Every structure is written in structure tokens, then in C-alpha cells.
Amino acid sequence: MYLTDQPLPRTFFDRPVLEVAPDLLGRTLVRNLPDGRVTVRLTEVEAYNGEADPGSHAYRGRTRRNASMYGPPGHTYVYFTYGMWHCVNLVCGPEGFASGVLLRAGEILTGAELVRLRRPTARNDAELARGPARLATALDVDRPLDGTDVCGPDPGAPLRLLAGTPVPRASVEQGPRTGVGGEGALQPWRFWIPGDPSVSPYRAHQGRRRRS
């Protein structure tokens, strides 16, 4: 049992990705910014299982872009996509394996007034961090935060993941990952809190692309 306001230890992430991913639901992601603090309760995630996973950025091996995926567990992998958006993953599993969990959606707990400035097109607060690019935008996460340690003890660190209140595994729903095609299309590796309004709608693969 972890204290809700304490960061998760590195051992939490040093497990198989399909164990870590559903266990992230209900945890609290903290973003410290010059203008204040934003906290998010994670409500939707997707697992990517290293070089064995056709849907992962690591499927074709290590590159300069995905190097953080191979790093120690408990760090971020932030990537730029479609020439306009960032997305953030949490690295897990043994160092060198390149597995990670994409943070797809969350509920803004504190700092909503700061997030609204970054997400002026959101129709309501449930939409502020609904979807991986919106979540990263809401938290002002971009490539300079690639490789950030989320397990550190410093309460003022840029990003931290606190224990929060985990969702019981029996209450978690799972299904195919959004936008993943080919051999990885049917893997039920997206996990979400059923009925939560911040969870993003499922969209099947369109065209040819891979996610991390």
C-alpha cells in the first residue's frame, strides 16, 4: 500500500507493461509549472510492449527519437506526432526492454484554470485532458521533458506520479488500442475507467501509422 500523496517507487514501474498499465488508473500525475501546479487523475492508458509489439515506436529497434523508451523505468518518453502534437508515455519493465504506457486521458483535479488557458477550445472540463495530445497540451509537456524521472522525491520536480487512489483491477475495462493497425490492431491493451467522462472515444486504425 502506498500513501496517496507520495510518488510511486521505481519498483512499481519495473514490472511487465501489462501489469503496470491498468495499475496506473486512478494515480495522480503532477505537473509543476512556473505559473502553478496542475494535477491529473489518470483515467485511460495504453500499453506498448517493446520491440515485439508492431504498434510500438520500438518495433524497428532503438533510434534517437525513442531512446528514452530503453532507459530506466519510471521515466517519460515524450514524442512529437503529426507535426503539431506531443504525447507522453511512462517507461516500464527492465531497462533496455523499451516498453511503455501511453497516457491517453485524465481528469483535471487541480489547476483547471491554468489548463483552460492552454485548451480554450474544450467545451467542458471533462474535455481538458481527453486524448493523449490534449493531455500533453493541458500539462504543457513537450520534448524537453523527454526522459524526465517521475519517481523523484523533489515535490517541485517538473513531473511526478503520485500513488493516488488506484482503481481495482476488476473494475477496469480493456479493449483494442486506438489507431493501431496491422498485427497489433486487436491486442486488448487499452485500459480505462468505465463511465468516466474524461475517457476518449475509441477510434479504429485509419491509414498507415504506428503509436508508441
C-alpha atoms as a PDB file:
ATOM      1  CA  MET A   1       0.000   0.000   0.000  1.00  0.00           C
ATOM      2  CA  TYR A   2       1.362   3.428  -0.994  1.00  0.00           C
ATOM      3  CA  LEU A   3       0.484   6.747   0.633  1.00  0.00           C
ATOM      4  CA  THR A   4      -1.764   8.641  -1.789  1.00  0.00           C
ATOM      5  CA  ASP A   5       0.355  11.814  -1.761  1.00  0.00           C
ATOM      6  CA  GLN A   6       3.707  10.064  -2.191  1.00  0.00           C
ATOM      7  CA  PRO A   7       5.440   9.313  -5.524  1.00  0.00           C
ATOM      8  CA  LEU A   8       5.283   5.762  -6.753  1.00  0.00           C
ATOM      9  CA  PRO A   9       8.616   3.956  -6.323  1.00  0.00           C
ATOM     10  CA  ARG A  10      10.686   2.824  -9.278  1.00  0.00           C
ATOM     11  CA  THR A  11       9.850  -0.785  -8.446  1.00  0.00           C
ATOM     12  CA  PHE A  12       6.239  -0.009  -9.401  1.00  0.00           C
ATOM     13  CA  PHE A  13       7.365   0.577 -12.989  1.00  0.00           C
ATOM     14  CA  ASP A  14       9.935  -2.216 -13.070  1.00  0.00           C
ATOM     15  CA  ARG A  15       7.275  -4.787 -13.973  1.00  0.00           C
ATOM     16  CA  PRO A  16       5.735  -6.132 -17.197  1.00  0.00           C
ATOM     17  CA  VAL A  17       3.904  -3.401 -19.061  1.00  0.00           C
ATOM     18  CA  LEU A  18       0.575  -5.260 -18.970  1.00  0.00           C
ATOM     19  CA  GLU A  19       0.737  -5.239 -15.186  1.00  0.00           C
ATOM     20  CA  VAL A  20       1.719  -1.592 -14.908  1.00  0.00           C
ATOM     21  CA  ALA A  21      -0.792  -0.154 -17.397  1.00  0.00           C
ATOM     22  CA  PRO A  22      -4.092  -0.962 -15.627  1.00  0.00           C
ATOM     23  CA  ASP A  23      -2.474  -0.212 -12.264  1.00  0.00           C
ATOM     24  CA  LEU A  24      -1.863   3.380 -13.414  1.00  0.00           C
ATOM     25  CA  LEU A  25      -5.579   4.163 -13.482  1.00  0.00           C
ATOM     26  CA  GLY A  26      -6.568   6.403 -10.603  1.00  0.00           C
ATOM     27  CA  ARG A  27      -2.990   7.533  -9.993  1.00  0.00           C
ATOM     28  CA  THR A  28      -2.187  11.259  -9.805  1.00  0.00           C
ATOM     29  CA  LEU A  29       0.141  12.928 -12.299  1.00  0.00           C
ATOM     30  CA  VAL A  30       1.557  16.227 -11.040  1.00  0.00           C
ATOM     31  CA  ARG A  31       2.901  18.934 -13.341  1.00  0.00           C
ATOM     32  CA  ASN A  32       4.756  21.811 -11.702  1.00  0.00           C
ATOM     33  CA  LEU A  33       4.818  24.946 -13.854  1.00  0.00           C
ATOM     34  CA  PRO A  34       6.119  28.490 -13.327  1.00  0.00           C
ATOM     35  CA  ASP A  35       2.526  29.717 -13.077  1.00  0.00           C
ATOM     36  CA  GLY A  36       1.251  26.981 -10.772  1.00  0.00           C
ATOM     37  CA  ARG A  37       0.594  23.282 -10.338  1.00  0.00           C
ATOM     38  CA  VAL A  38      -1.743  21.011 -12.308  1.00  0.00           C
ATOM     39  CA  THR A  39      -2.767  17.564 -11.100  1.00  0.00           C
ATOM     40  CA  VAL A  40      -4.488  14.913 -13.184  1.00  0.00           C
ATOM     41  CA  ARG A  41      -6.172  11.652 -12.203  1.00  0.00           C
ATOM     42  CA  LEU A  42      -5.340   9.119 -14.921  1.00  0.00           C
ATOM     43  CA  THR A  43      -8.436   7.546 -16.463  1.00  0.00           C
ATOM     44  CA  GLU A  44      -7.220   5.916 -19.720  1.00  0.00           C
ATOM     45  CA  VAL A  45      -3.917   4.378 -20.820  1.00  0.00           C
ATOM     46  CA  GLU A  46      -2.461   2.081 -23.490  1.00  0.00           C
ATOM     47  CA  ALA A  47       0.348  -0.471 -23.172  1.00  0.00           C
ATOM     48  CA  TYR A  48       3.143  -0.908 -25.734  1.00  0.00           C
ATOM     49  CA  ASN A  49       5.296  -3.992 -25.333  1.00  0.00           C
ATOM     50  CA  GLY A  50       8.735  -3.144 -26.675  1.00  0.00           C
ATOM     51  CA  GLU A  51      10.313  -4.455 -29.873  1.00  0.00           C
ATOM     52  CA  ALA A  52       7.903  -7.410 -30.002  1.00  0.00           C
ATOM     53  CA  ASP A  53       4.935  -5.055 -30.441  1.00  0.00           C
ATOM     54  CA  PRO A  54       4.143  -3.934 -34.026  1.00  0.00           C
ATOM     55  CA  GLY A  55       2.288  -0.910 -32.634  1.00  0.00           C
ATOM     56  CA  SER A  56       5.259   0.456 -30.734  1.00  0.00           C
ATOM     57  CA  HIS A  57       7.822   3.031 -31.808  1.00  0.00           C
ATOM     58  CA  ALA A  58      10.411   0.495 -30.625  1.00  0.00           C
ATOM     59  CA  TYR A  59       9.264  -2.176 -33.084  1.00  0.00           C
ATOM     60  CA  ARG A  60      12.096  -1.413 -35.509  1.00  0.00           C
ATOM     61  CA  GLY A  61      14.681  -1.014 -32.784  1.00  0.00           C
ATOM     62  CA  ARG A  62      16.379   1.831 -30.998  1.00  0.00           C
ATOM     63  CA  THR A  63      16.564   5.268 -32.610  1.00  0.00           C
ATOM     64  CA  ARG A  64      17.464   8.746 -31.451  1.00  0.00           C
ATOM     65  CA  ARG A  65      13.769   9.539 -31.156  1.00  0.00           C
ATOM     66  CA  ASN A  66      12.777   6.562 -28.985  1.00  0.00           C
ATOM     67  CA  ALA A  67      15.952   6.258 -26.888  1.00  0.00           C
ATOM     68  CA  SER A  68      14.128   7.148 -23.662  1.00  0.00           C
ATOM     69  CA  MET A  69      11.971   4.042 -24.034  1.00  0.00           C
ATOM     70  CA  TYR A  70      15.086   1.956 -23.429  1.00  0.00           C
ATOM     71  CA  GLY A  71      16.060   3.887 -20.330  1.00  0.00           C
ATOM     72  CA  PRO A  72      15.342   3.138 -16.680  1.00  0.00           C
ATOM     73  CA  PRO A  73      11.723   2.525 -15.645  1.00  0.00           C
ATOM     74  CA  GLY A  74       9.847   5.422 -14.104  1.00  0.00           C
ATOM     75  CA  HIS A  75      10.912   7.980 -16.715  1.00  0.00           C
ATOM     76  CA  THR A  76       8.984   9.642 -19.515  1.00  0.00           C
ATOM     77  CA  TYR A  77       9.094   9.067 -23.236  1.00  0.00           C
ATOM     78  CA  VAL A  78       7.691  12.168 -24.962  1.00  0.00           C
ATOM     79  CA  TYR A  79       7.273  12.210 -28.724  1.00  0.00           C
ATOM     80  CA  PHE A  80       6.071  14.676 -31.353  1.00  0.00           C
ATOM     81  CA  THR A  81       3.426  13.487 -33.799  1.00  0.00           C
ATOM     82  CA  TYR A  82       1.669  14.795 -36.914  1.00  0.00           C
ATOM     83  CA  GLY A  83       3.936  17.837 -36.847  1.00  0.00           C
ATOM     84  CA  MET A  84       1.843  19.527 -34.163  1.00  0.00           C
ATOM     85  CA  TRP A  85       1.185  17.423 -31.048  1.00  0.00           C
ATOM     86  CA  HIS A  86       3.139  15.833 -28.222  1.00  0.00           C
ATOM     87  CA  CYS A  87       2.228  12.662 -26.333  1.00  0.00           C
ATOM     88  CA  VAL A  88       3.683  11.317 -23.105  1.00  0.00           C
ATOM     89  CA  ASN A  89       4.437   7.734 -22.090  1.00  0.00           C
ATOM     90  CA  LEU A  90       5.771   6.243 -18.868  1.00  0.00           C
ATOM     91  CA  VAL A  91       8.628   3.776 -19.341  1.00  0.00           C
ATOM     92  CA  CYS A  92       8.304   0.467 -17.516  1.00  0.00           C
ATOM     93  CA  GLY A  93       9.801  -3.017 -17.430  1.00  0.00           C
ATOM     94  CA  PRO A  94      13.521  -3.772 -17.224  1.00  0.00           C
ATOM     95  CA  GLU A  95      15.979  -1.235 -18.583  1.00  0.00           C
ATOM     96  CA  GLY A  96      16.687  -1.913 -22.255  1.00  0.00           C
ATOM     97  CA  PHE A  97      13.319  -3.548 -22.983  1.00  0.00           C
ATOM     98  CA  ALA A  98      11.599  -0.400 -24.331  1.00  0.00           C
ATOM     99  CA  SER A  99       8.088  -0.996 -23.054  1.00  0.00           C
ATOM    100  CA  GLY A 100       5.910   1.914 -22.028  1.00  0.00           C
ATOM    101  CA  VAL A 101       2.409   3.146 -21.258  1.00  0.00           C
ATOM    102  CA  LEU A 102       0.819   5.941 -23.268  1.00  0.00           C
ATOM    103  CA  LEU A 103      -1.207   8.300 -21.080  1.00  0.00           C
ATOM    104  CA  ARG A 104      -4.397   8.736 -23.049  1.00  0.00           C
ATOM    105  CA  ALA A 105      -6.717  10.724 -20.786  1.00  0.00           C
ATOM    106  CA  GLY A 106      -7.255  12.120 -17.330  1.00  0.00           C
ATOM    107  CA  GLU A 107      -9.471  14.158 -15.045  1.00  0.00           C
ATOM    108  CA  ILE A 108      -8.071  17.540 -14.019  1.00  0.00           C
ATOM    109  CA  LEU A 109      -8.126  17.645 -10.220  1.00  0.00           C
ATOM    110  CA  THR A 110      -6.398  20.975  -9.584  1.00  0.00           C
ATOM    111  CA  GLY A 111      -5.174  23.791 -11.773  1.00  0.00           C
ATOM    112  CA  ALA A 112      -8.102  23.700 -14.196  1.00  0.00           C
ATOM    113  CA  GLU A 113      -7.916  27.483 -14.529  1.00  0.00           C
ATOM    114  CA  LEU A 114      -4.372  27.123 -15.907  1.00  0.00           C
ATOM    115  CA  VAL A 115      -5.336  24.296 -18.232  1.00  0.00           C
ATOM    116  CA  ARG A 116      -8.255  26.241 -19.723  1.00  0.00           C
ATOM    117  CA  LEU A 117      -5.748  28.821 -20.968  1.00  0.00           C
ATOM    118  CA  ARG A 118      -3.943  26.075 -22.916  1.00  0.00           C
ATOM    119  CA  ARG A 119      -7.128  24.310 -24.006  1.00  0.00           C
ATOM    120  CA  PRO A 120      -9.507  27.165 -24.899  1.00  0.00           C
ATOM    121  CA  THR A 121     -11.456  25.010 -27.369  1.00  0.00           C
ATOM    122  CA  ALA A 122     -12.516  22.475 -24.702  1.00  0.00           C
ATOM    123  CA  ARG A 123     -16.291  22.607 -24.338  1.00  0.00           C
ATOM    124  CA  ASN A 124     -16.179  21.499 -20.694  1.00  0.00           C
ATOM    125  CA  ASP A 125     -13.676  20.407 -18.083  1.00  0.00           C
ATOM    126  CA  ALA A 126     -14.099  16.721 -18.966  1.00  0.00           C
ATOM    127  CA  GLU A 127     -12.532  17.518 -22.361  1.00  0.00           C
ATOM    128  CA  LEU A 128      -9.474  19.322 -20.998  1.00  0.00           C
ATOM    129  CA  ALA A 129      -7.289  16.184 -20.982  1.00  0.00           C
ATOM    130  CA  ARG A 130      -9.414  13.766 -23.044  1.00  0.00           C
ATOM    131  CA  GLY A 131      -6.995  12.192 -25.528  1.00  0.00           C
ATOM    132  CA  PRO A 132      -3.189  11.842 -25.391  1.00  0.00           C
ATOM    133  CA  ALA A 133      -2.341  15.050 -27.268  1.00  0.00           C
ATOM    134  CA  ARG A 134      -4.850  17.056 -25.242  1.00  0.00           C
ATOM    135  CA  LEU A 135      -3.420  15.647 -22.014  1.00  0.00           C
ATOM    136  CA  ALA A 136       0.105  16.661 -23.009  1.00  0.00           C
ATOM    137  CA  THR A 137      -1.132  20.112 -24.068  1.00  0.00           C
ATOM    138  CA  ALA A 138      -3.049  20.530 -20.812  1.00  0.00           C
ATOM    139  CA  LEU A 139       0.135  19.814 -18.854  1.00  0.00           C
ATOM    140  CA  ASP A 140       2.432  21.777 -21.182  1.00  0.00           C
ATOM    141  CA  VAL A 141       4.516  18.646 -21.842  1.00  0.00           C
ATOM    142  CA  ASP A 142       6.851  18.684 -24.836  1.00  0.00           C
ATOM    143  CA  ARG A 143      10.136  17.124 -25.981  1.00  0.00           C
ATOM    144  CA  PRO A 144      12.362  18.899 -23.415  1.00  0.00           C
ATOM    145  CA  LEU A 145      10.580  16.754 -20.789  1.00  0.00           C
ATOM    146  CA  ASP A 146      11.531  13.537 -22.606  1.00  0.00           C
ATOM    147  CA  GLY A 147      13.399  11.300 -20.143  1.00  0.00           C
ATOM    148  CA  THR A 148      12.074  13.045 -17.015  1.00  0.00           C
ATOM    149  CA  ASP A 149      12.129  10.986 -13.816  1.00  0.00           C
ATOM    150  CA  VAL A 150       8.601  10.826 -12.314  1.00  0.00           C
ATOM    151  CA  CYS A 151       9.700   8.931  -9.179  1.00  0.00           C
ATOM    152  CA  GLY A 152      11.931  11.579  -7.624  1.00  0.00           C
ATOM    153  CA  PRO A 153      11.487  12.895  -4.078  1.00  0.00           C
ATOM    154  CA  ASP A 154      11.559  16.605  -5.010  1.00  0.00           C
ATOM    155  CA  PRO A 155       7.985  17.976  -4.691  1.00  0.00           C
ATOM    156  CA  GLY A 156       8.908  20.761  -7.128  1.00  0.00           C
ATOM    157  CA  ALA A 157      10.104  18.451  -9.924  1.00  0.00           C
ATOM    158  CA  PRO A 158       8.546  19.107 -13.360  1.00  0.00           C
ATOM    159  CA  LEU A 159       6.591  15.833 -13.384  1.00  0.00           C
ATOM    160  CA  ARG A 160       5.771  13.380 -10.609  1.00  0.00           C
ATOM    161  CA  LEU A 161       3.434  10.395 -10.390  1.00  0.00           C
ATOM    162  CA  LEU A 162       1.774  10.024  -7.000  1.00  0.00           C
ATOM    163  CA  ALA A 163       0.097   6.884  -5.724  1.00  0.00           C
ATOM    164  CA  GLY A 164      -3.369   8.455  -5.681  1.00  0.00           C
ATOM    165  CA  THR A 165      -6.257   6.025  -5.329  1.00  0.00           C
ATOM    166  CA  PRO A 166      -5.820   3.062  -7.682  1.00  0.00           C
ATOM    167  CA  VAL A 167      -8.840   1.554  -9.403  1.00  0.00           C
ATOM    168  CA  PRO A 168      -9.481  -2.111  -8.522  1.00  0.00           C
ATOM    169  CA  ARG A 169      -8.433  -4.333 -11.429  1.00  0.00           C
ATOM    170  CA  ALA A 170     -11.876  -5.939 -11.557  1.00  0.00           C
ATOM    171  CA  SER A 171     -13.387  -2.511 -12.279  1.00  0.00           C
ATOM    172  CA  VAL A 172     -11.081  -1.710 -15.211  1.00  0.00           C
ATOM    173  CA  GLU A 173     -12.268  -2.210 -18.777  1.00  0.00           C
ATOM    174  CA  GLN A 174      -9.955  -3.042 -21.666  1.00  0.00           C
ATOM    175  CA  GLY A 175     -10.095  -3.269 -25.430  1.00  0.00           C
ATOM    176  CA  PRO A 176      -8.133  -2.637 -28.645  1.00  0.00           C
ATOM    177  CA  ARG A 177      -5.742   0.295 -28.773  1.00  0.00           C
ATOM    178  CA  THR A 178      -6.836   3.428 -30.590  1.00  0.00           C
ATOM    179  CA  GLY A 179      -5.449   3.960 -34.088  1.00  0.00           C
ATOM    180  CA  VAL A 180      -3.250   0.850 -34.142  1.00  0.00           C
ATOM    181  CA  GLY A 181      -3.385  -1.238 -37.306  1.00  0.00           C
ATOM    182  CA  GLY A 182      -1.756  -4.343 -38.722  1.00  0.00           C
ATOM    183  CA  GLU A 183      -0.681  -7.141 -36.411  1.00  0.00           C
ATOM    184  CA  GLY A 184      -1.154  -5.003 -33.316  1.00  0.00           C
ATOM    185  CA  ALA A 185      -4.724  -3.934 -34.091  1.00  0.00           C
ATOM    186  CA  LEU A 186      -6.573  -6.483 -31.974  1.00  0.00           C
ATOM    187  CA  GLN A 187      -4.395  -6.512 -28.870  1.00  0.00           C
ATOM    188  CA  PRO A 188      -6.700  -5.515 -25.954  1.00  0.00           C
ATOM    189  CA  TRP A 189      -4.067  -3.283 -24.413  1.00  0.00           C
ATOM    190  CA  ARG A 190      -6.076  -0.106 -23.871  1.00  0.00           C
ATOM    191  CA  PHE A 191      -7.363   0.227 -20.289  1.00  0.00           C
ATOM    192  CA  TRP A 192      -9.860   2.742 -18.946  1.00  0.00           C
ATOM    193  CA  ILE A 193     -12.203   3.580 -16.087  1.00  0.00           C
ATOM    194  CA  PRO A 194     -15.699   2.762 -17.343  1.00  0.00           C
ATOM    195  CA  GLY A 195     -18.178   5.609 -17.328  1.00  0.00           C
ATOM    196  CA  ASP A 196     -15.610   8.310 -16.654  1.00  0.00           C
ATOM    197  CA  PRO A 197     -16.442  11.359 -18.824  1.00  0.00           C
ATOM    198  CA  SER A 198     -12.778  12.166 -19.487  1.00  0.00           C
ATOM    199  CA  VAL A 199     -12.121   8.855 -21.312  1.00  0.00           C
ATOM    200  CA  SER A 200     -11.580   9.388 -25.038  1.00  0.00           C
ATOM    201  CA  PRO A 201     -13.738   7.687 -27.691  1.00  0.00           C
ATOM    202  CA  TYR A 202     -12.300   4.609 -29.376  1.00  0.00           C
ATOM    203  CA  ARG A 203     -11.228   5.080 -32.988  1.00  0.00           C
ATOM    204  CA  ALA A 204     -10.115   2.216 -35.192  1.00  0.00           C
ATOM    205  CA  HIS A 205      -6.980   2.404 -37.310  1.00  0.00           C
ATOM    206  CA  GLN A 206      -7.137   4.855 -40.210  1.00  0.00           C
ATOM    207  CA  GLY A 207      -4.373   4.683 -42.793  1.00  0.00           C
ATOM    208  CA  ARG A 208      -0.845   3.588 -42.047  1.00  0.00           C
ATOM    209  CA  ARG A 209       0.725   4.709 -38.776  1.00  0.00           C
ATOM    210  CA  ARG A 210       2.196   3.448 -35.527  1.00  0.00           C
ATOM    211  CA  ARG A 211       1.886   4.720 -31.997  1.00  0.00           C
ATOM    212  CA  SER A 212       4.150   4.446 -29.014  1.00  0.00           C
END
